[in-house]
PDB file of N, CA and C in Angstrom:
ATOM      1  N   MET A   1       1.342  -1.004   0.212  1.00  0.00           N
ATOM      2  CA  MET A   1      -0.148  -0.162   0.195  1.00  0.00           C
ATOM      3  C   MET A   1       0.802   1.347  -0.055  1.00  0.00           C
ATOM      4  N   SER A   2       0.675   2.366  -0.929  1.00  0.00           N
ATOM      5  CA  SER A   2       1.392   3.386  -1.008  1.00  0.00           C
ATOM      6  C   SER A   2       0.974   4.526  -0.046  1.00  0.00           C
ATOM      7  N   ALA A   3       1.871   5.285   0.518  1.00  0.00           N
ATOM      8  CA  ALA A   3       1.791   6.507   1.761  1.00  0.00           C
ATOM      9  C   ALA A   3       0.932   7.657   0.584  1.00  0.00           C
ATOM     10  N   MET A   4       0.098   8.555   1.534  1.00  0.00           N
ATOM     11  CA  MET A   4      -0.151   9.397   0.632  1.00  0.00           C
ATOM     12  C   MET A   4       0.481  10.573   1.325  1.00  0.00           C
ATOM     13  N   LYS A   5       0.484  11.229   0.515  1.00  0.00           N
ATOM     14  CA  LYS A   5       1.601  12.852   0.174  1.00  0.00           C
ATOM     15  C   LYS A   5       0.377  13.832  -0.039  1.00  0.00           C
ATOM     16  N   ARG A   6       0.721  14.923   0.846  1.00  0.00           N
ATOM     17  CA  ARG A   6      -0.435  15.956   1.254  1.00  0.00           C
ATOM     18  C   ARG A   6      -0.034  17.450   0.460  1.00  0.00           C
ATOM     19  N   TYR A   7      -0.463  17.987  -0.522  1.00  0.00           N
ATOM     20  CA  TYR A   7      -0.270  19.220  -0.967  1.00  0.00           C
ATOM     21  C   TYR A   7      -1.272  20.344  -0.576  1.00  0.00           C
ATOM     22  N   VAL A   8      -0.550  21.209  -0.646  1.00  0.00           N
ATOM     23  CA  VAL A   8      -1.575  22.715  -0.073  1.00  0.00           C
ATOM     24  C   VAL A   8      -1.085  23.819  -1.172  1.00  0.00           C
ATOM     25  N   LEU A   9      -2.583  24.258  -1.765  1.00  0.00           N
ATOM     26  CA  LEU A   9      -2.263  25.304  -3.103  1.00  0.00           C
ATOM     27  C   LEU A   9      -3.011  26.191  -2.771  1.00  0.00           C
ATOM     28  N   ALA A  10      -2.489  27.575  -3.365  1.00  0.00           N
ATOM     29  CA  ALA A  10      -3.577  28.871  -3.339  1.00  0.00           C
ATOM     30  C   ALA A  10      -4.032  29.463  -4.467  1.00  0.00           C
ATOM     31  N   LEU A  11      -5.105  30.165  -4.400  1.00  0.00           N
ATOM     32  CA  LEU A  11      -5.686  30.793  -5.648  1.00  0.00           C
ATOM     33  C   LEU A  11      -6.358  31.802  -5.403  1.00  0.00           C
ATOM     34  N   ASP A  12      -6.745  33.035  -6.270  1.00  0.00           N
ATOM     35  CA  ASP A  12      -7.438  34.122  -5.501  1.00  0.00           C
ATOM     36  C   ASP A  12      -8.693  33.999  -6.596  1.00  0.00           C
ATOM     37  N   LEU A  13      -9.500  34.387  -6.263  1.00  0.00           N
ATOM     38  CA  LEU A  13     -10.865  34.404  -6.845  1.00  0.00           C
ATOM     39  C   LEU A  13     -11.223  36.056  -7.365  1.00  0.00           C
ATOM     40  N   GLN A  14     -11.792  36.085  -8.217  1.00  0.00           N
ATOM     41  CA  GLN A  14     -12.372  37.746  -8.580  1.00  0.00           C
ATOM     42  C   GLN A  14     -12.789  38.746  -7.045  1.00  0.00           C
ATOM     43  N   ASP A  15     -12.495  39.672  -7.005  1.00  0.00           N
ATOM     44  CA  ASP A  15     -12.997  40.776  -5.494  1.00  0.00           C
ATOM     45  C   ASP A  15     -14.517  40.527  -6.007  1.00  0.00           C
ATOM     46  N   ASP A  16     -15.397  40.081  -5.978  1.00  0.00           N
ATOM     47  CA  ASP A  16     -16.375  40.246  -6.225  1.00  0.00           C
ATOM     48  C   ASP A  16     -17.739  39.292  -5.830  1.00  0.00           C
ATOM     49  N   GLU A  17     -18.896  39.758  -4.992  1.00  0.00           N
ATOM     50  CA  GLU A  17     -19.225  38.904  -4.025  1.00  0.00           C
ATOM     51  C   GLU A  17     -20.408  37.925  -5.131  1.00  0.00           C
ATOM     52  N   GLN A  18     -20.943  38.671  -6.458  1.00  0.00           N
ATOM     53  CA  GLN A  18     -22.033  37.601  -6.879  1.00  0.00           C
ATOM     54  C   GLN A  18     -20.531  36.418  -7.766  1.00  0.00           C
ATOM     55  N   LEU A  19     -20.181  37.517  -8.604  1.00  0.00           N
ATOM     56  CA  LEU A  19     -19.307  35.754  -8.895  1.00  0.00           C
ATOM     57  C   LEU A  19     -18.456  35.191  -8.027  1.00  0.00           C
ATOM     58  N   ILE A  20     -17.938  35.711  -6.675  1.00  0.00           N
ATOM     59  CA  ILE A  20     -17.489  34.236  -5.262  1.00  0.00           C
ATOM     60  C   ILE A  20     -19.101  33.583  -5.266  1.00  0.00           C
ATOM     61  N   ALA A  21     -20.095  34.045  -4.941  1.00  0.00           N
ATOM     62  CA  ALA A  21     -21.390  33.391  -4.937  1.00  0.00           C
ATOM     63  C   ALA A  21     -21.176  32.303  -5.960  1.00  0.00           C
ATOM     64  N   GLU A  22     -21.311  32.591  -7.046  1.00  0.00           N
ATOM     65  CA  GLU A  22     -21.444  31.803  -8.494  1.00  0.00           C
ATOM     66  C   GLU A  22     -20.451  30.493  -8.529  1.00  0.00           C
ATOM     67  N   TYR A  23     -19.239  30.806  -8.172  1.00  0.00           N
ATOM     68  CA  TYR A  23     -18.412  30.159  -8.060  1.00  0.00           C
ATOM     69  C   TYR A  23     -18.084  28.519  -7.176  1.00  0.00           C
ATOM     70  N   GLU A  24     -18.516  29.781  -5.525  1.00  0.00           N
ATOM     71  CA  GLU A  24     -19.263  28.455  -4.706  1.00  0.00           C
ATOM     72  C   GLU A  24     -20.562  27.427  -5.186  1.00  0.00           C
ATOM     73  N   GLN A  25     -21.268  27.917  -6.125  1.00  0.00           N
ATOM     74  CA  GLN A  25     -22.086  27.067  -6.392  1.00  0.00           C
ATOM     75  C   GLN A  25     -21.779  26.222  -7.506  1.00  0.00           C
ATOM     76  N   TRP A  26     -20.996  26.500  -8.363  1.00  0.00           N
ATOM     77  CA  TRP A  26     -20.645  25.178  -8.924  1.00  0.00           C
ATOM     78  C   TRP A  26     -19.604  24.470  -8.670  1.00  0.00           C
ATOM     79  N   HIS A  27     -18.864  24.730  -7.147  1.00  0.00           N
ATOM     80  CA  HIS A  27     -18.134  23.726  -6.643  1.00  0.00           C
ATOM     81  C   HIS A  27     -19.373  22.897  -5.844  1.00  0.00           C
ATOM     82  N   ARG A  28     -20.618  23.067  -5.557  1.00  0.00           N
ATOM     83  CA  ARG A  28     -21.541  22.108  -5.128  1.00  0.00           C
ATOM     84  C   ARG A  28     -22.240  21.207  -5.888  1.00  0.00           C
ATOM     85  N   ASN A  29     -22.204  21.507  -6.955  1.00  0.00           N
ATOM     86  CA  ASN A  29     -22.292  20.714  -7.804  1.00  0.00           C
ATOM     87  C   ASN A  29     -21.204  20.622  -9.059  1.00  0.00           C
ATOM     88  N   VAL A  30     -20.421  20.045  -8.653  1.00  0.00           N
ATOM     89  CA  VAL A  30     -19.223  19.374 -10.082  1.00  0.00           C
ATOM     90  C   VAL A  30     -19.471  18.048 -10.674  1.00  0.00           C
ATOM     91  N   SER A  31     -19.604  18.041 -11.674  1.00  0.00           N
ATOM     92  CA  SER A  31     -19.769  17.039 -12.190  1.00  0.00           C
ATOM     93  C   SER A  31     -19.287  16.076 -12.380  1.00  0.00           C
ATOM     94  N   ARG A  32     -19.863  14.580 -12.441  1.00  0.00           N
ATOM     95  CA  ARG A  32     -19.178  12.961 -12.109  1.00  0.00           C
ATOM     96  C   ARG A  32     -17.899  13.016 -12.918  1.00  0.00           C
ATOM     97  N   GLU A  33     -17.805  13.830 -14.190  1.00  0.00           N
ATOM     98  CA  GLU A  33     -16.479  13.421 -14.821  1.00  0.00           C
ATOM     99  C   GLU A  33     -15.231  14.252 -14.626  1.00  0.00           C
ATOM    100  N   ILE A  34     -15.477  15.436 -13.984  1.00  0.00           N
ATOM    101  CA  ILE A  34     -14.656  16.645 -13.284  1.00  0.00           C
ATOM    102  C   ILE A  34     -14.154  15.579 -11.962  1.00  0.00           C
ATOM    103  N   LYS A  35     -15.447  14.855 -11.446  1.00  0.00           N
ATOM    104  CA  LYS A  35     -14.973  14.349 -10.179  1.00  0.00           C
ATOM    105  C   LYS A  35     -13.476  12.900 -10.519  1.00  0.00           C
ATOM    106  N   GLN A  36     -14.255  12.646 -11.805  1.00  0.00           N
ATOM    107  CA  GLN A  36     -13.646  11.543 -12.053  1.00  0.00           C
ATOM    108  C   GLN A  36     -12.231  11.577 -12.362  1.00  0.00           C
ATOM    109  N   SER A  37     -11.958  12.740 -13.262  1.00  0.00           N
ATOM    110  CA  SER A  37     -10.407  13.247 -13.917  1.00  0.00           C
ATOM    111  C   SER A  37      -9.438  13.448 -12.570  1.00  0.00           C
ATOM    112  N   ILE A  38     -10.393  13.799 -11.676  1.00  0.00           N
ATOM    113  CA  ILE A  38      -9.616  13.832 -10.249  1.00  0.00           C
ATOM    114  C   ILE A  38      -9.256  13.020  -9.605  1.00  0.00           C
ATOM    115  N   ARG A  39      -9.563  12.244  -9.302  1.00  0.00           N
ATOM    116  CA  ARG A  39      -9.376  10.801  -8.602  1.00  0.00           C
ATOM    117  C   ARG A  39      -8.796  10.022  -9.708  1.00  0.00           C
ATOM    118  N   ASP A  40      -8.766  10.064 -10.865  1.00  0.00           N
ATOM    119  CA  ASP A  40      -7.970   9.185 -11.992  1.00  0.00           C
ATOM    120  C   ASP A  40      -6.668   9.847 -11.870  1.00  0.00           C
ATOM    121  N   SER A  41      -6.051  11.038 -11.417  1.00  0.00           N
ATOM    122  CA  SER A  41      -5.064  11.416 -11.535  1.00  0.00           C
ATOM    123  C   SER A  41      -4.187  10.854 -10.467  1.00  0.00           C
ATOM    124  N   GLY A  42      -4.845  10.337  -9.577  1.00  0.00           N
ATOM    125  CA  GLY A  42      -4.143  10.012  -8.377  1.00  0.00           C
ATOM    126  C   GLY A  42      -4.342  10.574  -6.823  1.00  0.00           C
ATOM    127  N   ILE A  43      -5.537  11.535  -6.774  1.00  0.00           N
ATOM    128  CA  ILE A  43      -5.723  12.594  -5.665  1.00  0.00           C
ATOM    129  C   ILE A  43      -6.858  11.541  -5.301  1.00  0.00           C
ATOM    130  N   GLN A  44      -6.809  11.549  -3.994  1.00  0.00           N
ATOM    131  CA  GLN A  44      -7.711  10.679  -3.121  1.00  0.00           C
ATOM    132  C   GLN A  44      -8.681  11.486  -2.619  1.00  0.00           C
ATOM    133  N   ARG A  45      -8.238  12.649  -2.007  1.00  0.00           N
ATOM    134  CA  ARG A  45      -9.113  13.539  -1.271  1.00  0.00           C
ATOM    135  C   ARG A  45      -8.881  15.322  -1.632  1.00  0.00           C
ATOM    136  N   MET A  46      -9.773  15.728  -2.029  1.00  0.00           N
ATOM    137  CA  MET A  46      -9.481  17.244  -2.342  1.00  0.00           C
ATOM    138  C   MET A  46     -10.701  18.647  -1.306  1.00  0.00           C
ATOM    139  N   GLU A  47      -9.813  18.796  -0.329  1.00  0.00           N
ATOM    140  CA  GLU A  47     -11.014  19.825   0.124  1.00  0.00           C
ATOM    141  C   GLU A  47     -10.273  21.605  -0.754  1.00  0.00           C
ATOM    142  N   ILE A  48     -11.309  22.141  -0.612  1.00  0.00           N
ATOM    143  CA  ILE A  48     -11.351  23.609  -1.095  1.00  0.00           C
ATOM    144  C   ILE A  48     -11.472  24.585   0.259  1.00  0.00           C
ATOM    145  N   TYR A  49     -11.158  25.805   0.884  1.00  0.00           N
ATOM    146  CA  TYR A  49     -11.555  26.530   1.725  1.00  0.00           C
ATOM    147  C   TYR A  49     -11.376  27.734   1.498  1.00  0.00           C
ATOM    148  N   ARG A  50     -12.254  29.002   1.669  1.00  0.00           N
ATOM    149  CA  ARG A  50     -12.161  30.288   1.038  1.00  0.00           C
ATOM    150  C   ARG A  50     -12.226  31.373   2.321  1.00  0.00           C
ATOM    151  N   PHE A  51     -11.737  32.576   2.042  1.00  0.00           N
ATOM    152  CA  PHE A  51     -11.275  33.147   2.995  1.00  0.00           C
ATOM    153  C   PHE A  51     -11.503  34.752   2.102  1.00  0.00           C
ATOM    154  N   ALA A  52     -12.153  35.112   2.529  1.00  0.00           N
ATOM    155  CA  ALA A  52     -12.986  36.465   1.290  1.00  0.00           C
ATOM    156  C   ALA A  52     -12.610  36.137  -0.038  1.00  0.00           C
ATOM    157  N   ASN A  53     -11.658  36.367  -0.679  1.00  0.00           N
ATOM    158  CA  ASN A  53     -11.298  35.924  -2.275  1.00  0.00           C
ATOM    159  C   ASN A  53     -10.328  34.840  -2.117  1.00  0.00           C
ATOM    160  N   ARG A  54      -9.914  34.973  -1.538  1.00  0.00           N
ATOM    161  CA  ARG A  54      -8.445  33.397  -1.424  1.00  0.00           C
ATOM    162  C   ARG A  54      -8.623  32.399  -1.071  1.00  0.00           C
ATOM    163  N   LEU A  55      -8.411  31.268  -1.732  1.00  0.00           N
ATOM    164  CA  LEU A  55      -9.067  29.765  -2.183  1.00  0.00           C
ATOM    165  C   LEU A  55      -7.891  28.853  -1.521  1.00  0.00           C
ATOM    166  N   PHE A  56      -7.700  28.137  -0.842  1.00  0.00           N
ATOM    167  CA  PHE A  56      -6.676  27.030  -0.465  1.00  0.00           C
ATOM    168  C   PHE A  56      -7.117  25.840  -0.325  1.00  0.00           C
ATOM    169  N   MET A  57      -6.413  24.953  -1.395  1.00  0.00           N
ATOM    170  CA  MET A  57      -6.672  23.805  -1.585  1.00  0.00           C
ATOM    171  C   MET A  57      -5.923  22.832  -1.016  1.00  0.00           C
ATOM    172  N   VAL A  58      -6.569  21.437  -0.368  1.00  0.00           N
ATOM    173  CA  VAL A  58      -5.707  20.427   0.235  1.00  0.00           C
ATOM    174  C   VAL A  58      -5.951  19.193  -0.778  1.00  0.00           C
ATOM    175  N   MET A  59      -4.607  18.645  -1.041  1.00  0.00           N
ATOM    176  CA  MET A  59      -4.936  17.434  -1.735  1.00  0.00           C
ATOM    177  C   MET A  59      -4.096  16.536  -0.989  1.00  0.00           C
ATOM    178  N   GLU A  60      -4.761  15.287  -0.884  1.00  0.00           N
ATOM    179  CA  GLU A  60      -3.958  14.082  -0.471  1.00  0.00           C
ATOM    180  C   GLU A  60      -4.062  12.791  -1.700  1.00  0.00           C
ATOM    181  N   THR A  61      -2.936  12.370  -1.840  1.00  0.00           N
ATOM    182  CA  THR A  61      -2.615  11.865  -3.422  1.00  0.00           C
ATOM    183  C   THR A  61      -1.845  10.442  -2.936  1.00  0.00           C
ATOM    184  N   THR A  62      -2.226   9.795  -4.178  1.00  0.00           N
ATOM    185  CA  THR A  62      -0.926   8.223  -4.047  1.00  0.00           C
ATOM    186  C   THR A  62       0.490   8.787  -4.344  1.00  0.00           C
ATOM    187  N   ASP A  63       1.383   7.673  -3.944  1.00  0.00           N
ATOM    188  CA  ASP A  63       2.972   8.137  -4.442  1.00  0.00           C
ATOM    189  C   ASP A  63       2.930   8.329  -6.001  1.00  0.00           C
ATOM    190  N   GLU A  64       1.846   7.966  -6.843  1.00  0.00           N
ATOM    191  CA  GLU A  64       1.766   8.079  -7.994  1.00  0.00           C
ATOM    192  C   GLU A  64       1.676   9.217  -8.569  1.00  0.00           C
ATOM    193  N   PHE A  65       0.954  10.016  -8.209  1.00  0.00           N
ATOM    194  CA  PHE A  65       0.605  11.403  -8.583  1.00  0.00           C
ATOM    195  C   PHE A  65       1.474  12.445  -8.915  1.00  0.00           C
ATOM    196  N   SER A  66       1.537  12.770  -9.375  1.00  0.00           N
ATOM    197  CA  SER A  66       2.363  14.281 -10.152  1.00  0.00           C
ATOM    198  C   SER A  66       1.237  15.283 -11.215  1.00  0.00           C
ATOM    199  N   PHE A  67       2.043  16.149 -11.143  1.00  0.00           N
ATOM    200  CA  PHE A  67       1.318  17.706 -11.335  1.00  0.00           C
ATOM    201  C   PHE A  67       1.787  17.382 -12.914  1.00  0.00           C
ATOM    202  N   GLU A  68       2.524  16.651 -13.460  1.00  0.00           N
ATOM    203  CA  GLU A  68       2.634  17.239 -14.885  1.00  0.00           C
ATOM    204  C   GLU A  68       1.679  15.677 -15.326  1.00  0.00           C
ATOM    205  N   ARG A  69       1.684  15.057 -14.901  1.00  0.00           N
ATOM    206  CA  ARG A  69       0.415  13.671 -15.345  1.00  0.00           C
ATOM    207  C   ARG A  69      -0.867  14.223 -15.360  1.00  0.00           C
ATOM    208  N   LYS A  70      -1.130  15.077 -14.448  1.00  0.00           N
ATOM    209  CA  LYS A  70      -2.257  15.423 -14.114  1.00  0.00           C
ATOM    210  C   LYS A  70      -2.456  16.713 -15.298  1.00  0.00           C
ATOM    211  N   ALA A  71      -1.668  17.186 -15.385  1.00  0.00           N
ATOM    212  CA  ALA A  71      -2.083  18.590 -16.663  1.00  0.00           C
ATOM    213  C   ALA A  71      -2.343  17.819 -17.916  1.00  0.00           C
ATOM    214  N   ALA A  72      -1.383  16.707 -18.256  1.00  0.00           N
ATOM    215  CA  ALA A  72      -1.097  16.416 -19.643  1.00  0.00           C
ATOM    216  C   ALA A  72      -2.517  15.772 -19.667  1.00  0.00           C
ATOM    217  N   ALA A  73      -2.888  15.024 -18.650  1.00  0.00           N
ATOM    218  CA  ALA A  73      -4.296  14.647 -18.857  1.00  0.00           C
ATOM    219  C   ALA A  73      -5.493  15.519 -18.697  1.00  0.00           C
ATOM    220  N   ASP A  74      -5.469  16.569 -18.213  1.00  0.00           N
ATOM    221  CA  ASP A  74      -6.298  17.503 -18.437  1.00  0.00           C
ATOM    222  C   ASP A  74      -6.134  17.807 -19.833  1.00  0.00           C
ATOM    223  N   ALA A  75      -5.262  18.620 -19.974  1.00  0.00           N
ATOM    224  CA  ALA A  75      -5.202  18.868 -21.620  1.00  0.00           C
ATOM    225  C   ALA A  75      -6.017  17.718 -22.813  1.00  0.00           C
ATOM    226  N   ALA A  76      -5.938  16.808 -22.357  1.00  0.00           N
ATOM    227  CA  ALA A  76      -6.334  15.668 -23.439  1.00  0.00           C
ATOM    228  C   ALA A  76      -7.962  15.472 -23.253  1.00  0.00           C
ATOM    229  N   ASN A  77      -8.268  16.289 -22.189  1.00  0.00           N
ATOM    230  CA  ASN A  77      -9.571  16.127 -21.186  1.00  0.00           C
ATOM    231  C   ASN A  77     -10.802  17.261 -22.198  1.00  0.00           C
ATOM    232  N   PRO A  78     -11.631  16.829 -22.833  1.00  0.00           N
ATOM    233  CA  PRO A  78     -12.353  18.268 -23.109  1.00  0.00           C
ATOM    234  C   PRO A  78     -13.297  18.615 -22.382  1.00  0.00           C
ATOM    235  N   CYS A  79     -14.124  17.577 -21.188  1.00  0.00           N
ATOM    236  CA  CYS A  79     -14.885  18.012 -20.081  1.00  0.00           C
ATOM    237  C   CYS A  79     -14.124  19.308 -19.180  1.00  0.00           C
ATOM    238  N   VAL A  80     -12.785  18.724 -18.810  1.00  0.00           N
ATOM    239  CA  VAL A  80     -11.861  19.261 -17.961  1.00  0.00           C
ATOM    240  C   VAL A  80     -11.470  20.885 -18.804  1.00  0.00           C
ATOM    241  N   GLN A  81     -11.067  20.962 -19.728  1.00  0.00           N
ATOM    242  CA  GLN A  81     -11.031  21.800 -20.668  1.00  0.00           C
ATOM    243  C   GLN A  81     -12.073  22.795 -20.379  1.00  0.00           C
ATOM    244  N   GLU A  82     -13.185  22.440 -20.872  1.00  0.00           N
ATOM    245  CA  GLU A  82     -14.384  23.465 -20.550  1.00  0.00           C
ATOM    246  C   GLU A  82     -14.714  23.876 -19.490  1.00  0.00           C
ATOM    247  N   TRP A  83     -14.309  23.020 -18.071  1.00  0.00           N
ATOM    248  CA  TRP A  83     -14.316  23.218 -17.170  1.00  0.00           C
ATOM    249  C   TRP A  83     -13.693  24.476 -16.089  1.00  0.00           C
ATOM    250  N   GLU A  84     -12.349  24.275 -16.815  1.00  0.00           N
ATOM    251  CA  GLU A  84     -11.164  25.355 -16.570  1.00  0.00           C
ATOM    252  C   GLU A  84     -11.380  26.692 -17.288  1.00  0.00           C
ATOM    253  N   LYS A  85     -11.902  26.676 -18.533  1.00  0.00           N
ATOM    254  CA  LYS A  85     -12.147  27.864 -19.192  1.00  0.00           C
ATOM    255  C   LYS A  85     -13.383  28.314 -18.331  1.00  0.00           C
ATOM    256  N   LEU A  86     -14.407  27.714 -18.017  1.00  0.00           N
ATOM    257  CA  LEU A  86     -15.472  28.394 -17.221  1.00  0.00           C
ATOM    258  C   LEU A  86     -14.617  28.781 -16.089  1.00  0.00           C
ATOM    259  N   MET A  87     -13.816  28.310 -15.006  1.00  0.00           N
ATOM    260  CA  MET A  87     -13.503  28.435 -13.825  1.00  0.00           C
ATOM    261  C   MET A  87     -12.806  29.864 -13.709  1.00  0.00           C
ATOM    262  N   TRP A  88     -11.707  30.143 -15.084  1.00  0.00           N
ATOM    263  CA  TRP A  88     -11.344  31.565 -15.366  1.00  0.00           C
ATOM    264  C   TRP A  88     -12.226  32.930 -15.454  1.00  0.00           C
ATOM    265  N   LYS A  89     -13.303  32.870 -15.274  1.00  0.00           N
ATOM    266  CA  LYS A  89     -14.118  33.674 -14.982  1.00  0.00           C
ATOM    267  C   LYS A  89     -13.964  34.269 -13.915  1.00  0.00           C
ATOM    268  N   TYR A  90     -13.855  33.114 -12.814  1.00  0.00           N
ATOM    269  CA  TYR A  90     -14.090  33.500 -11.295  1.00  0.00           C
ATOM    270  C   TYR A  90     -12.584  33.837 -10.686  1.00  0.00           C
ATOM    271  N   GLN A  91     -11.429  32.948 -11.318  1.00  0.00           N
ATOM    272  CA  GLN A  91     -10.156  33.121 -10.871  1.00  0.00           C
ATOM    273  C   GLN A  91      -9.247  34.044 -11.225  1.00  0.00           C
ATOM    274  N   LYS A  92      -8.438  34.288 -10.507  1.00  0.00           N
ATOM    275  CA  LYS A  92      -7.695  35.453 -10.787  1.00  0.00           C
ATOM    276  C   LYS A  92      -5.560  34.704 -10.463  1.00  0.00           C
ATOM    277  N   PRO A  93      -4.854  35.068 -11.116  1.00  0.00           N
ATOM    278  CA  PRO A  93      -3.356  34.538 -10.495  1.00  0.00           C
ATOM    279  C   PRO A  93      -3.406  35.500  -8.970  1.00  0.00           C
ATOM    280  N   ILE A  94      -3.225  34.719  -8.260  1.00  0.00           N
ATOM    281  CA  ILE A  94      -2.015  35.588  -7.041  1.00  0.00           C
ATOM    282  C   ILE A  94      -1.068  36.414  -7.700  1.00  0.00           C
ATOM    283  N   SER A  95      -0.720  37.465  -6.997  1.00  0.00           N
ATOM    284  CA  SER A  95       0.206  38.446  -7.277  1.00  0.00           C
ATOM    285  C   SER A  95       1.748  37.406  -7.412  1.00  0.00           C
ATOM    286  N   GLY A  96       2.942  37.866  -8.280  1.00  0.00           N
ATOM    287  CA  GLY A  96       3.949  36.889  -8.505  1.00  0.00           C
ATOM    288  C   GLY A  96       3.852  35.548  -9.061  1.00  0.00           C
ATOM    289  N   THR A  97       2.874  35.030  -9.612  1.00  0.00           N
ATOM    290  CA  THR A  97       2.440  33.808 -10.393  1.00  0.00           C
ATOM    291  C   THR A  97       3.079  34.013 -11.800  1.00  0.00           C
ATOM    292  N   LYS A  98       3.529  33.424 -12.911  1.00  0.00           N
ATOM    293  CA  LYS A  98       4.025  33.128 -13.687  1.00  0.00           C
ATOM    294  C   LYS A  98       2.759  33.292 -14.754  1.00  0.00           C
ATOM    295  N   PRO A  99       2.398  33.673 -15.752  1.00  0.00           N
ATOM    296  CA  PRO A  99       1.213  33.796 -16.799  1.00  0.00           C
ATOM    297  C   PRO A  99       0.756  32.748 -17.183  1.00  0.00           C
ATOM    298  N   GLY A 100      -0.583  32.675 -17.196  1.00  0.00           N
ATOM    299  CA  GLY A 100      -1.505  30.954 -16.981  1.00  0.00           C
ATOM    300  C   GLY A 100      -1.619  30.643 -16.133  1.00  0.00           C
ATOM    301  N   ASP A 101      -0.748  30.743 -14.786  1.00  0.00           N
ATOM    302  CA  ASP A 101      -0.620  29.954 -13.651  1.00  0.00           C
ATOM    303  C   ASP A 101      -2.150  30.256 -12.904  1.00  0.00           C
ATOM    304  N   LYS A 102      -2.570  29.280 -12.297  1.00  0.00           N
ATOM    305  CA  LYS A 102      -3.497  29.426 -11.373  1.00  0.00           C
ATOM    306  C   LYS A 102      -3.177  28.715  -9.939  1.00  0.00           C
ATOM    307  N   TRP A 103      -3.465  27.493  -9.518  1.00  0.00           N
ATOM    308  CA  TRP A 103      -3.110  27.467  -8.405  1.00  0.00           C
ATOM    309  C   TRP A 103      -1.672  27.379  -8.262  1.00  0.00           C
ATOM    310  N   VAL A 104      -1.296  27.574  -7.229  1.00  0.00           N
ATOM    311  CA  VAL A 104      -0.365  28.081  -6.360  1.00  0.00           C
ATOM    312  C   VAL A 104       0.392  27.098  -5.105  1.00  0.00           C
ATOM    313  N   LEU A 105       1.390  26.097  -5.667  1.00  0.00           N
ATOM    314  CA  LEU A 105       1.457  25.279  -4.634  1.00  0.00           C
ATOM    315  C   LEU A 105       2.276  26.194  -3.507  1.00  0.00           C
ATOM    316  N   MET A 106       2.328  25.492  -2.005  1.00  0.00           N
ATOM    317  CA  MET A 106       2.398  26.893  -1.443  1.00  0.00           C
ATOM    318  C   MET A 106       3.303  25.612  -0.467  1.00  0.00           C
ATOM    319  N   ASP A 107       4.491  26.480   0.070  1.00  0.00           N
ATOM    320  CA  ASP A 107       5.194  25.476   1.101  1.00  0.00           C
ATOM    321  C   ASP A 107       5.184  25.442   2.453  1.00  0.00           C
ATOM    322  N   LYS A 108       5.502  24.255   2.926  1.00  0.00           N
ATOM    323  CA  LYS A 108       4.898  24.072   4.580  1.00  0.00           C
ATOM    324  C   LYS A 108       6.190  24.621   5.510  1.00  0.00           C
ATOM    325  N   ILE A 109       5.623  25.584   5.839  1.00  0.00           N
ATOM    326  CA  ILE A 109       7.019  26.078   6.974  1.00  0.00           C
ATOM    327  C   ILE A 109       6.779  25.469   8.637  1.00  0.00           C
ATOM    328  N   PHE A 110       5.635  24.604   8.768  1.00  0.00           N
ATOM    329  CA  PHE A 110       5.419  24.495  10.311  1.00  0.00           C
ATOM    330  C   PHE A 110       4.505  23.147  10.501  1.00  0.00           C
ATOM    331  N   GLU A 111       5.553  22.419  11.133  1.00  0.00           N
ATOM    332  CA  GLU A 111       4.437  21.327  11.535  1.00  0.00           C
ATOM    333  C   GLU A 111       4.679  20.577  13.119  1.00  0.00           C
ATOM    334  N   LEU A 112       3.036  20.703  13.667  1.00  0.00           N
ATOM    335  CA  LEU A 112       3.333  20.213  14.643  1.00  0.00           C
ATOM    336  C   LEU A 112       2.916  18.873  14.686  1.00  0.00           C
ATOM    337  N   SER A 113       3.737  18.305  15.463  1.00  0.00           N
ATOM    338  CA  SER A 113       3.701  16.772  15.693  1.00  0.00           C
ATOM    339  C   SER A 113       2.970  16.269  16.932  1.00  0.00           C
ATOM    340  N   ALA A 114       1.999  14.786  17.009  1.00  0.00           N
ATOM    341  CA  ALA A 114       1.256  14.754  18.264  1.00  0.00           C
ATOM    342  C   ALA A 114       2.630  13.550  18.806  1.00  0.00           C
ATOM    343  N   PHE A 115       3.791  13.449  18.334  1.00  0.00           N
ATOM    344  CA  PHE A 115       4.750  12.766  19.027  1.00  0.00           C
ATOM    345  C   PHE A 115       6.005  13.799  19.508  1.00  0.00           C
ATOM    346  N   GLU A 116       5.468  15.251  19.440  1.00  0.00           N
ATOM    347  CA  GLU A 116       6.848  16.003  19.974  1.00  0.00           C
ATOM    348  C   GLU A 116       6.617  16.170  21.574  1.00  0.00           C
TER     349      GLU A 116
END
């Protein structure tokens, strides 16, 4: 059995209450195809949290997961491409990211262990 890896990513939304409400509505009704593409990439668990217009995503993945393989699979999936195009209406890159980047991988700077 493979170990799980955890990744935390951040992204901003457009600073508009109506757009934020629409974005949340879309995420209450994510299609089976999108969910399946996430699972097929090796993501076992995914949560998205929001504060104001800042989003945080927590992903737990199998050891086999890679961002490169997921990006390639997403690029070949018309359903995912349609979803991503729609989501750009609501999303905006975090300051300092490269053009076209969305979710940005965050660096872990602290961890409290139960065994300390």
